Amino acid sequence: MSSARSSQFAIVACTSLGTQTPIRDIARAAAAQGADVVALSFSLAYPVTQAIEGLAELRAQLDPAVEIWAGGANPGLVRRAVEGVHAIPELAAVPTAVARWRASRGGTRSGPAARSARTSEANSRPPRAA
């Protein structure tokens, strides 16, 4: 069972930026890492208006191909939708979000990280003889 469970949460790379990282730094880190998804968690105590405004600001700063997943115990994330942000109200919903994300890309990675990986792979291959 553990192998099936771990495959549900397969992640290529995850970088934790900490709890009070400025939005511009999150956007810069996502671009530098070639992130396909930026996931954030908001506690119940975090001010709803601040969360919503911050998510909208982050959405404006990220490449449109980068998804934003917002989760945690903050009920405002579900009640007040932010365009371009996927609310994930509980951890159990992550496998469904991953499956939706994969399906939206035809089962392959096609965001900034995938483009970067394809470029790196192409540059590292030996030239083919004609």
Protein backbone atom coordinates (compact mmCIF):
# COMPACT_ATOMS: atom_id res chain seq x y z
CA MET A 1 0.00 0.00 0.00
CA SER A 2 2.81 2.43 0.68
CA SER A 3 4.07 2.24 -2.89
CA ALA A 4 0.61 3.01 -4.27
CA ARG A 5 0.23 5.89 -1.86
CA SER A 6 3.66 7.32 -2.66
CA SER A 7 2.93 7.22 -6.39
CA GLN A 8 -0.14 9.39 -5.80
CA PHE A 9 2.10 12.10 -4.41
CA ALA A 10 5.00 11.71 -6.83
CA ILE A 11 6.76 15.05 -7.05
CA VAL A 12 9.70 15.79 -9.27
CA ALA A 13 11.07 18.55 -7.07
CA CYS A 14 9.75 20.58 -4.19
CA THR A 15 11.32 23.69 -2.74
CA SER A 16 10.09 25.14 0.54
CA LEU A 17 10.50 28.90 0.69
CA GLY A 18 9.30 29.39 4.25
CA THR A 19 6.25 30.94 5.80
CA GLN A 20 6.77 34.65 5.17
CA THR A 21 8.36 34.77 1.74
CA PRO A 22 7.41 37.94 -0.17
CA ILE A 23 5.25 37.37 -3.24
CA ARG A 24 7.87 38.76 -5.63
CA ASP A 25 10.38 36.24 -4.23
CA ILE A 26 7.93 33.36 -4.71
CA ALA A 27 7.43 34.44 -8.33
CA ARG A 28 11.19 34.77 -8.90
CA ALA A 29 11.86 31.36 -7.35
CA ALA A 30 9.15 29.75 -9.50
CA ALA A 31 10.68 31.25 -12.64
CA ALA A 32 14.23 30.31 -11.64
CA GLN A 33 13.20 26.72 -10.84
CA GLY A 34 10.98 26.39 -13.92
CA ALA A 35 8.05 25.45 -11.68
CA ASP A 36 4.90 23.97 -13.17
CA VAL A 37 2.91 24.47 -9.95
CA VAL A 38 3.25 26.83 -6.99
CA ALA A 39 1.44 25.44 -3.95
CA LEU A 40 0.68 27.55 -0.90
CA SER A 41 -1.04 26.76 2.36
CA PHE A 42 -3.01 29.24 4.48
CA SER A 43 -3.92 28.70 8.13
CA LEU A 44 -7.33 29.39 9.55
CA ALA A 45 -5.88 32.43 11.33
CA TYR A 46 -4.48 34.05 8.15
CA PRO A 47 -6.60 37.08 7.10
CA VAL A 48 -8.84 36.07 4.18
CA THR A 49 -8.54 39.41 2.37
CA GLN A 50 -4.75 39.31 2.61
CA ALA A 51 -4.70 35.73 1.25
CA ILE A 52 -6.98 36.58 -1.69
CA GLU A 53 -5.09 39.78 -2.57
CA GLY A 54 -1.75 37.98 -2.30
CA LEU A 55 -2.91 35.13 -4.55
CA ALA A 56 -4.17 37.61 -7.15
CA GLU A 57 -0.84 39.45 -7.04
CA LEU A 58 1.11 36.21 -7.38
CA ARG A 59 -1.08 35.13 -10.31
CA ALA A 60 -0.26 38.40 -12.07
CA GLN A 61 3.49 37.87 -11.57
CA LEU A 62 3.72 34.23 -12.68
CA ASP A 63 3.90 32.78 -16.16
CA PRO A 64 0.30 31.88 -17.09
CA ALA A 65 1.39 28.26 -17.62
CA VAL A 66 2.32 27.95 -13.93
CA GLU A 67 -0.60 26.74 -11.84
CA ILE A 68 -1.25 28.05 -8.35
CA TRP A 69 -2.68 25.64 -5.80
CA ALA A 70 -3.93 27.18 -2.56
CA GLY A 71 -4.85 25.00 0.36
CA GLY A 72 -5.02 24.86 4.09
CA ALA A 73 -7.69 25.45 6.72
CA ASN A 74 -8.60 28.96 5.58
CA PRO A 75 -12.26 28.82 4.44
CA GLY A 76 -11.89 32.02 2.41
CA LEU A 77 -9.94 30.14 -0.25
CA VAL A 78 -13.06 28.22 -1.24
CA ARG A 79 -15.62 30.98 -0.64
CA ARG A 80 -13.76 33.70 -2.55
CA ALA A 81 -12.32 32.24 -5.72
CA VAL A 82 -9.32 33.90 -7.34
CA GLU A 83 -9.10 33.60 -11.12
CA GLY A 84 -6.26 31.30 -12.09
CA VAL A 85 -5.93 29.77 -8.61
CA HIS A 86 -7.06 26.24 -7.77
CA ALA A 87 -8.40 25.94 -4.22
CA ILE A 88 -7.48 22.61 -2.65
CA PRO A 89 -9.38 22.50 0.64
CA GLU A 90 -7.77 19.35 2.06
CA LEU A 91 -4.69 17.20 1.59
CA ALA A 92 -6.82 14.29 0.39
CA ALA A 93 -7.71 16.37 -2.70
CA VAL A 94 -4.08 16.59 -3.89
CA PRO A 95 -4.11 13.31 -5.90
CA THR A 96 -7.19 14.54 -7.76
CA ALA A 97 -5.48 17.88 -8.45
CA VAL A 98 -2.37 16.08 -9.75
CA ALA A 99 -4.50 13.84 -11.99
CA ARG A 100 -6.38 16.89 -13.34
CA TRP A 101 -3.09 18.70 -13.94
CA ARG A 102 -1.62 15.71 -15.79
CA ALA A 103 -4.78 15.22 -17.86
CA SER A 104 -4.80 18.89 -18.84
CA ARG A 105 -1.37 18.35 -20.34
CA GLY A 106 -2.18 15.12 -22.12
CA GLY A 107 -0.42 13.08 -19.44
CA THR A 108 2.88 14.84 -20.02
CA ARG A 109 4.58 17.79 -18.44
CA SER A 110 4.29 20.84 -20.64
CA GLY A 111 4.87 23.80 -18.34
CA PRO A 112 8.05 25.82 -17.81
CA ALA A 113 9.87 22.96 -16.04
CA ALA A 114 9.14 20.55 -18.87
CA ARG A 115 10.35 23.03 -21.48
CA SER A 116 13.54 23.55 -19.50
CA ALA A 117 14.06 19.79 -19.10
CA ARG A 118 13.55 19.21 -22.83
CA THR A 119 16.06 21.96 -23.66
CA SER A 120 18.63 20.55 -21.23
CA GLU A 121 18.10 17.04 -22.57
CA ALA A 122 18.46 18.20 -26.18
CA ASN A 123 21.64 20.10 -25.36
CA SER A 124 23.19 17.11 -23.58
CA ARG A 125 22.52 14.57 -26.32
CA PRO A 126 25.39 13.74 -28.62
CA PRO A 127 24.84 14.95 -32.17
CA ARG A 128 23.19 12.42 -34.46
CA ALA A 129 25.03 11.36 -37.56
CA ALA A 130 23.19 11.83 -40.81
